[in-house]
Amino acid sequence: MLDKPNEEFEIEKEAYEITSMEEALLTFEQIFDEQSKIKNLKDKIKQTKSFYENQIKYEELKVDNLKNALLAYYEKQKMANPKVKIKSPFGNFVSHKEKLDFELDEEKLIEKYNGTDLVKTTSALYKGDLKKRLSVIGDKVIDTETGEVVDGANPVTKPAYVSVSIKKPKEDK
C-alpha cells in the first residue's frame, strides 16, 4: 500500500515464473484477490466522491440561504436609507439599475443576417456582436449600422435587482 498519494512504486522487474500446478492455481487465486482489491478501491472512490458531492450541494444550499438573508437585510436597510452602502472585505451589494434590453427571435434574425459575420455557418447568431449593433429607440429595436427596425428583436425592460458579490478564496500556491 502506498503511504503518500503521489508516491512512486516499483513492480518487480523479474518475470513471475510458475513452476507447478499448485503455483498456477494459487496465482489464479492471487489474481482474483487483487481484482477484488481493485474493485473495493474503486467502490471507495465512488463512495468518497458521492459523499463530497453531497457535501458540496449542502454547502451551496447554505450559501444560497445566507445570500437570501443578506438580500432581505439589505432591502430593509435600503427602505430606511435609500443611499445605504454596505461593504466588507469579503463582499458587498451590487445594485443593478433597470435597463432596456431586447429578446431575440433567433430564426427571424438568422434569416435577416444570414451571410453576414453575425451568423455562424451552422446558422447560429453571434448574439454578443449583434447586441452591440442593436439599440432600443422608443418601442423599436434598431440596427445602428443600417438604421433599420429589426424584426425579430423586441424591446424588453429588465427589472432592477440586487445581487450579492462574494470574493473567491485565494488558492494556495
C-alpha atoms as a PDB file:
ATOM      1  CA  MET A   1       0.000   0.000   0.000  1.00  0.00           C
ATOM      2  CA  LEU A   2       1.220   3.493  -0.776  1.00  0.00           C
ATOM      3  CA  ASP A   3       1.751   5.808   2.159  1.00  0.00           C
ATOM      4  CA  LYS A   4       1.653   9.074   0.211  1.00  0.00           C
ATOM      5  CA  PRO A   5      -0.832   9.993  -2.532  1.00  0.00           C
ATOM      6  CA  ASN A   6       1.732  10.541  -5.302  1.00  0.00           C
ATOM      7  CA  GLU A   7       4.348   8.123  -4.056  1.00  0.00           C
ATOM      8  CA  GLU A   8       6.192   6.215  -6.749  1.00  0.00           C
ATOM      9  CA  PHE A   9       6.185   2.461  -6.532  1.00  0.00           C
ATOM     10  CA  GLU A  10       8.076  -0.254  -8.292  1.00  0.00           C
ATOM     11  CA  ILE A  11       6.861  -3.576  -9.572  1.00  0.00           C
ATOM     12  CA  GLU A  12       9.348  -6.395  -9.507  1.00  0.00           C
ATOM     13  CA  LYS A  13      11.295  -6.319 -12.753  1.00  0.00           C
ATOM     14  CA  GLU A  14      11.820 -10.057 -12.869  1.00  0.00           C
ATOM     15  CA  ALA A  15       9.069 -12.048 -14.510  1.00  0.00           C
ATOM     16  CA  TYR A  16       6.972 -14.108 -12.158  1.00  0.00           C
ATOM     17  CA  GLU A  17       7.650 -17.733 -13.004  1.00  0.00           C
ATOM     18  CA  ILE A  18       5.170 -20.511 -12.296  1.00  0.00           C
ATOM     19  CA  THR A  19       6.745 -23.927 -11.978  1.00  0.00           C
ATOM     20  CA  SER A  20       3.934 -26.177 -10.739  1.00  0.00           C
ATOM     21  CA  MET A  21       0.187 -26.774 -10.980  1.00  0.00           C
ATOM     22  CA  GLU A  22      -0.169 -25.708  -7.339  1.00  0.00           C
ATOM     23  CA  GLU A  23       1.518 -22.345  -8.058  1.00  0.00           C
ATOM     24  CA  ALA A  24      -0.724 -21.871 -11.120  1.00  0.00           C
ATOM     25  CA  LEU A  25      -3.856 -22.444  -9.019  1.00  0.00           C
ATOM     26  CA  LEU A  26      -2.558 -20.117  -6.298  1.00  0.00           C
ATOM     27  CA  THR A  27      -1.795 -17.477  -8.947  1.00  0.00           C
ATOM     28  CA  PHE A  28      -5.424 -17.619 -10.124  1.00  0.00           C
ATOM     29  CA  GLU A  29      -6.488 -17.040  -6.537  1.00  0.00           C
ATOM     30  CA  GLN A  30      -3.957 -14.204  -6.151  1.00  0.00           C
ATOM     31  CA  ILE A  31      -5.234 -12.509  -9.327  1.00  0.00           C
ATOM     32  CA  PHE A  32      -8.819 -12.878  -8.064  1.00  0.00           C
ATOM     33  CA  ASP A  33      -7.824 -11.291  -4.738  1.00  0.00           C
ATOM     34  CA  GLU A  34      -6.000  -8.415  -6.457  1.00  0.00           C
ATOM     35  CA  GLN A  35      -9.019  -7.775  -8.689  1.00  0.00           C
ATOM     36  CA  SER A  36     -11.229  -7.724  -5.590  1.00  0.00           C
ATOM     37  CA  LYS A  37      -8.905  -5.151  -4.011  1.00  0.00           C
ATOM     38  CA  ILE A  38      -9.111  -3.047  -7.180  1.00  0.00           C
ATOM     39  CA  LYS A  39     -12.923  -3.231  -7.170  1.00  0.00           C
ATOM     40  CA  ASN A  40     -13.026  -2.300  -3.463  1.00  0.00           C
ATOM     41  CA  LEU A  41     -10.752   0.684  -4.056  1.00  0.00           C
ATOM     42  CA  LYS A  42     -12.906   1.841  -6.987  1.00  0.00           C
ATOM     43  CA  ASP A  43     -16.015   1.476  -4.804  1.00  0.00           C
ATOM     44  CA  LYS A  44     -14.351   3.558  -2.085  1.00  0.00           C
ATOM     45  CA  ILE A  45     -13.544   6.226  -4.648  1.00  0.00           C
ATOM     46  CA  LYS A  46     -17.188   6.297  -5.786  1.00  0.00           C
ATOM     47  CA  GLN A  47     -18.451   6.478  -2.201  1.00  0.00           C
ATOM     48  CA  THR A  48     -15.981   9.204  -1.317  1.00  0.00           C
ATOM     49  CA  LYS A  49     -16.838  11.176  -4.446  1.00  0.00           C
ATOM     50  CA  SER A  50     -20.564  10.837  -3.720  1.00  0.00           C
ATOM     51  CA  PHE A  51     -20.023  11.911  -0.114  1.00  0.00           C
ATOM     52  CA  TYR A  52     -18.129  15.049  -1.121  1.00  0.00           C
ATOM     53  CA  GLU A  53     -20.571  15.881  -3.932  1.00  0.00           C
ATOM     54  CA  ASN A  54     -23.364  15.798  -1.340  1.00  0.00           C
ATOM     55  CA  GLN A  55     -21.271  17.969   0.982  1.00  0.00           C
ATOM     56  CA  ILE A  56     -20.799  20.469  -1.859  1.00  0.00           C
ATOM     57  CA  LYS A  57     -24.565  20.551  -2.542  1.00  0.00           C
ATOM     58  CA  TYR A  58     -25.215  21.119   1.162  1.00  0.00           C
ATOM     59  CA  GLU A  59     -22.674  23.955   1.330  1.00  0.00           C
ATOM     60  CA  GLU A  60     -24.118  25.535  -1.845  1.00  0.00           C
ATOM     61  CA  LEU A  61     -27.589  25.500  -0.262  1.00  0.00           C
ATOM     62  CA  LYS A  62     -26.156  27.160   2.842  1.00  0.00           C
ATOM     63  CA  VAL A  63     -24.529  29.838   0.670  1.00  0.00           C
ATOM     64  CA  ASP A  64     -27.838  30.459  -1.145  1.00  0.00           C
ATOM     65  CA  ASN A  65     -29.679  30.764   2.180  1.00  0.00           C
ATOM     66  CA  LEU A  66     -27.064  33.161   3.531  1.00  0.00           C
ATOM     67  CA  LYS A  67     -27.244  35.284   0.359  1.00  0.00           C
ATOM     68  CA  ASN A  68     -31.042  35.414   0.638  1.00  0.00           C
ATOM     69  CA  ALA A  69     -30.743  36.528   4.272  1.00  0.00           C
ATOM     70  CA  LEU A  70     -28.253  39.225   3.218  1.00  0.00           C
ATOM     71  CA  LEU A  71     -30.571  40.426   0.452  1.00  0.00           C
ATOM     72  CA  ALA A  72     -33.516  40.607   2.876  1.00  0.00           C
ATOM     73  CA  TYR A  73     -31.389  42.613   5.342  1.00  0.00           C
ATOM     74  CA  TYR A  74     -30.193  44.916   2.545  1.00  0.00           C
ATOM     75  CA  GLU A  75     -33.758  45.560   1.380  1.00  0.00           C
ATOM     76  CA  LYS A  76     -34.765  46.564   4.942  1.00  0.00           C
ATOM     77  CA  GLN A  77     -31.756  48.880   5.218  1.00  0.00           C
ATOM     78  CA  LYS A  78     -32.463  50.311   1.753  1.00  0.00           C
ATOM     79  CA  MET A  79     -36.034  51.192   2.815  1.00  0.00           C
ATOM     80  CA  ALA A  80     -34.735  53.023   5.866  1.00  0.00           C
ATOM     81  CA  ASN A  81     -31.922  54.752   3.959  1.00  0.00           C
ATOM     82  CA  PRO A  82     -32.073  54.595   0.126  1.00  0.00           C
ATOM     83  CA  LYS A  83     -28.390  55.563  -0.163  1.00  0.00           C
ATOM     84  CA  VAL A  84     -27.112  52.828   2.151  1.00  0.00           C
ATOM     85  CA  LYS A  85     -23.792  51.237   1.178  1.00  0.00           C
ATOM     86  CA  ILE A  86     -22.713  48.018   2.828  1.00  0.00           C
ATOM     87  CA  LYS A  87     -19.227  46.716   2.120  1.00  0.00           C
ATOM     88  CA  SER A  88     -16.926  44.237   3.770  1.00  0.00           C
ATOM     89  CA  PRO A  89     -13.549  42.712   2.930  1.00  0.00           C
ATOM     90  CA  PHE A  90     -15.461  39.571   1.908  1.00  0.00           C
ATOM     91  CA  GLY A  91     -18.116  41.041  -0.360  1.00  0.00           C
ATOM     92  CA  ASN A  92     -20.624  43.775  -0.987  1.00  0.00           C
ATOM     93  CA  PHE A  93     -24.001  44.508  -2.528  1.00  0.00           C
ATOM     94  CA  VAL A  94     -24.169  45.430  -6.182  1.00  0.00           C
ATOM     95  CA  SER A  95     -27.227  47.352  -7.328  1.00  0.00           C
ATOM     96  CA  HIS A  96     -28.181  46.809 -10.950  1.00  0.00           C
ATOM     97  CA  LYS A  97     -30.300  49.569 -12.441  1.00  0.00           C
ATOM     98  CA  GLU A  98     -33.276  48.943 -14.672  1.00  0.00           C
ATOM     99  CA  LYS A  99     -32.167  48.852 -18.292  1.00  0.00           C
ATOM    100  CA  LEU A 100     -33.697  48.490 -21.691  1.00  0.00           C
ATOM    101  CA  ASP A 101     -32.812  45.289 -23.456  1.00  0.00           C
ATOM    102  CA  PHE A 102     -34.385  43.055 -26.069  1.00  0.00           C
ATOM    103  CA  GLU A 103     -35.418  39.477 -26.615  1.00  0.00           C
ATOM    104  CA  LEU A 104     -34.268  37.858 -29.832  1.00  0.00           C
ATOM    105  CA  ASP A 105     -36.308  35.689 -32.205  1.00  0.00           C
ATOM    106  CA  GLU A 106     -33.329  33.700 -33.396  1.00  0.00           C
ATOM    107  CA  GLU A 107     -34.977  32.220 -36.502  1.00  0.00           C
ATOM    108  CA  LYS A 108     -36.057  35.597 -37.885  1.00  0.00           C
ATOM    109  CA  LEU A 109     -32.695  37.145 -37.103  1.00  0.00           C
ATOM    110  CA  ILE A 110     -30.771  34.293 -38.717  1.00  0.00           C
ATOM    111  CA  GLU A 111     -32.888  34.811 -41.832  1.00  0.00           C
ATOM    112  CA  LYS A 112     -32.182  38.545 -41.801  1.00  0.00           C
ATOM    113  CA  TYR A 113     -28.448  38.378 -41.035  1.00  0.00           C
ATOM    114  CA  ASN A 114     -27.612  35.129 -42.860  1.00  0.00           C
ATOM    115  CA  GLY A 115     -24.493  35.607 -44.955  1.00  0.00           C
ATOM    116  CA  THR A 116     -23.027  38.206 -42.582  1.00  0.00           C
ATOM    117  CA  ASP A 117     -20.417  37.805 -39.885  1.00  0.00           C
ATOM    118  CA  LEU A 118     -23.205  37.816 -37.275  1.00  0.00           C
ATOM    119  CA  VAL A 119     -24.381  34.321 -38.268  1.00  0.00           C
ATOM    120  CA  LYS A 120     -22.223  31.223 -37.963  1.00  0.00           C
ATOM    121  CA  THR A 121     -22.295  28.850 -40.909  1.00  0.00           C
ATOM    122  CA  THR A 122     -24.086  26.479 -38.577  1.00  0.00           C
ATOM    123  CA  SER A 123     -26.872  29.085 -38.571  1.00  0.00           C
ATOM    124  CA  ALA A 124     -26.408  30.383 -35.041  1.00  0.00           C
ATOM    125  CA  LEU A 125     -26.323  34.061 -34.169  1.00  0.00           C
ATOM    126  CA  TYR A 126     -23.286  35.804 -32.756  1.00  0.00           C
ATOM    127  CA  LYS A 127     -25.561  37.325 -30.139  1.00  0.00           C
ATOM    128  CA  GLY A 128     -22.824  39.349 -28.430  1.00  0.00           C
ATOM    129  CA  ASP A 129     -21.801  41.067 -31.673  1.00  0.00           C
ATOM    130  CA  LEU A 130     -25.434  41.529 -32.708  1.00  0.00           C
ATOM    131  CA  LYS A 131     -26.332  43.126 -29.362  1.00  0.00           C
ATOM    132  CA  LYS A 132     -23.502  45.640 -29.895  1.00  0.00           C
ATOM    133  CA  ARG A 133     -25.129  46.632 -33.216  1.00  0.00           C
ATOM    134  CA  LEU A 134     -28.680  46.907 -31.904  1.00  0.00           C
ATOM    135  CA  SER A 135     -30.184  49.728 -29.913  1.00  0.00           C
ATOM    136  CA  VAL A 136     -33.599  50.311 -28.344  1.00  0.00           C
ATOM    137  CA  ILE A 137     -35.277  53.507 -29.505  1.00  0.00           C
ATOM    138  CA  GLY A 138     -38.782  54.020 -28.169  1.00  0.00           C
ATOM    139  CA  ASP A 139     -40.651  50.774 -28.694  1.00  0.00           C
ATOM    140  CA  LYS A 140     -38.428  49.543 -31.570  1.00  0.00           C
ATOM    141  CA  VAL A 141     -35.070  47.794 -31.828  1.00  0.00           C
ATOM    142  CA  ILE A 142     -32.851  49.470 -34.438  1.00  0.00           C
ATOM    143  CA  ASP A 143     -29.765  48.121 -36.231  1.00  0.00           C
ATOM    144  CA  THR A 144     -27.367  51.050 -35.680  1.00  0.00           C
ATOM    145  CA  GLU A 145     -25.326  50.178 -38.790  1.00  0.00           C
ATOM    146  CA  THR A 146     -28.248  50.100 -41.216  1.00  0.00           C
ATOM    147  CA  GLY A 147     -30.785  52.253 -39.360  1.00  0.00           C
ATOM    148  CA  GLU A 148     -33.462  49.608 -39.988  1.00  0.00           C
ATOM    149  CA  VAL A 149     -36.045  48.451 -37.482  1.00  0.00           C
ATOM    150  CA  VAL A 150     -35.141  44.858 -36.640  1.00  0.00           C
ATOM    151  CA  ASP A 151     -37.968  42.370 -36.984  1.00  0.00           C
ATOM    152  CA  GLY A 152     -37.278  39.565 -34.502  1.00  0.00           C
ATOM    153  CA  ALA A 153     -35.918  41.753 -31.721  1.00  0.00           C
ATOM    154  CA  ASN A 154     -38.393  43.218 -29.251  1.00  0.00           C
ATOM    155  CA  PRO A 155     -37.642  45.810 -26.563  1.00  0.00           C
ATOM    156  CA  VAL A 156     -37.863  44.452 -23.031  1.00  0.00           C
ATOM    157  CA  THR A 157     -37.373  46.305 -19.768  1.00  0.00           C
ATOM    158  CA  LYS A 158     -35.351  44.207 -17.374  1.00  0.00           C
ATOM    159  CA  PRO A 159     -36.204  44.996 -13.742  1.00  0.00           C
ATOM    160  CA  ALA A 160     -33.674  46.413 -11.325  1.00  0.00           C
ATOM    161  CA  TYR A 161     -32.218  43.891  -8.893  1.00  0.00           C
ATOM    162  CA  VAL A 162     -29.563  43.476  -6.264  1.00  0.00           C
ATOM    163  CA  SER A 163     -27.103  40.607  -6.158  1.00  0.00           C
ATOM    164  CA  VAL A 164     -24.530  39.554  -3.606  1.00  0.00           C
ATOM    165  CA  SER A 165     -20.917  39.507  -4.733  1.00  0.00           C
ATOM    166  CA  ILE A 166     -18.615  37.330  -2.639  1.00  0.00           C
ATOM    167  CA  LYS A 167     -14.879  37.316  -3.176  1.00  0.00           C
ATOM    168  CA  LYS A 168     -13.382  33.937  -4.014  1.00  0.00           C
ATOM    169  CA  PRO A 169     -10.947  32.404  -1.518  1.00  0.00           C
ATOM    170  CA  LYS A 170      -7.390  32.634  -2.792  1.00  0.00           C
ATOM    171  CA  GLU A 171      -5.829  29.387  -3.948  1.00  0.00           C
ATOM    172  CA  ASP A 172      -2.738  28.247  -2.086  1.00  0.00           C
ATOM    173  CA  LYS A 173       0.318  28.226  -4.336  1.00  0.00           C
END
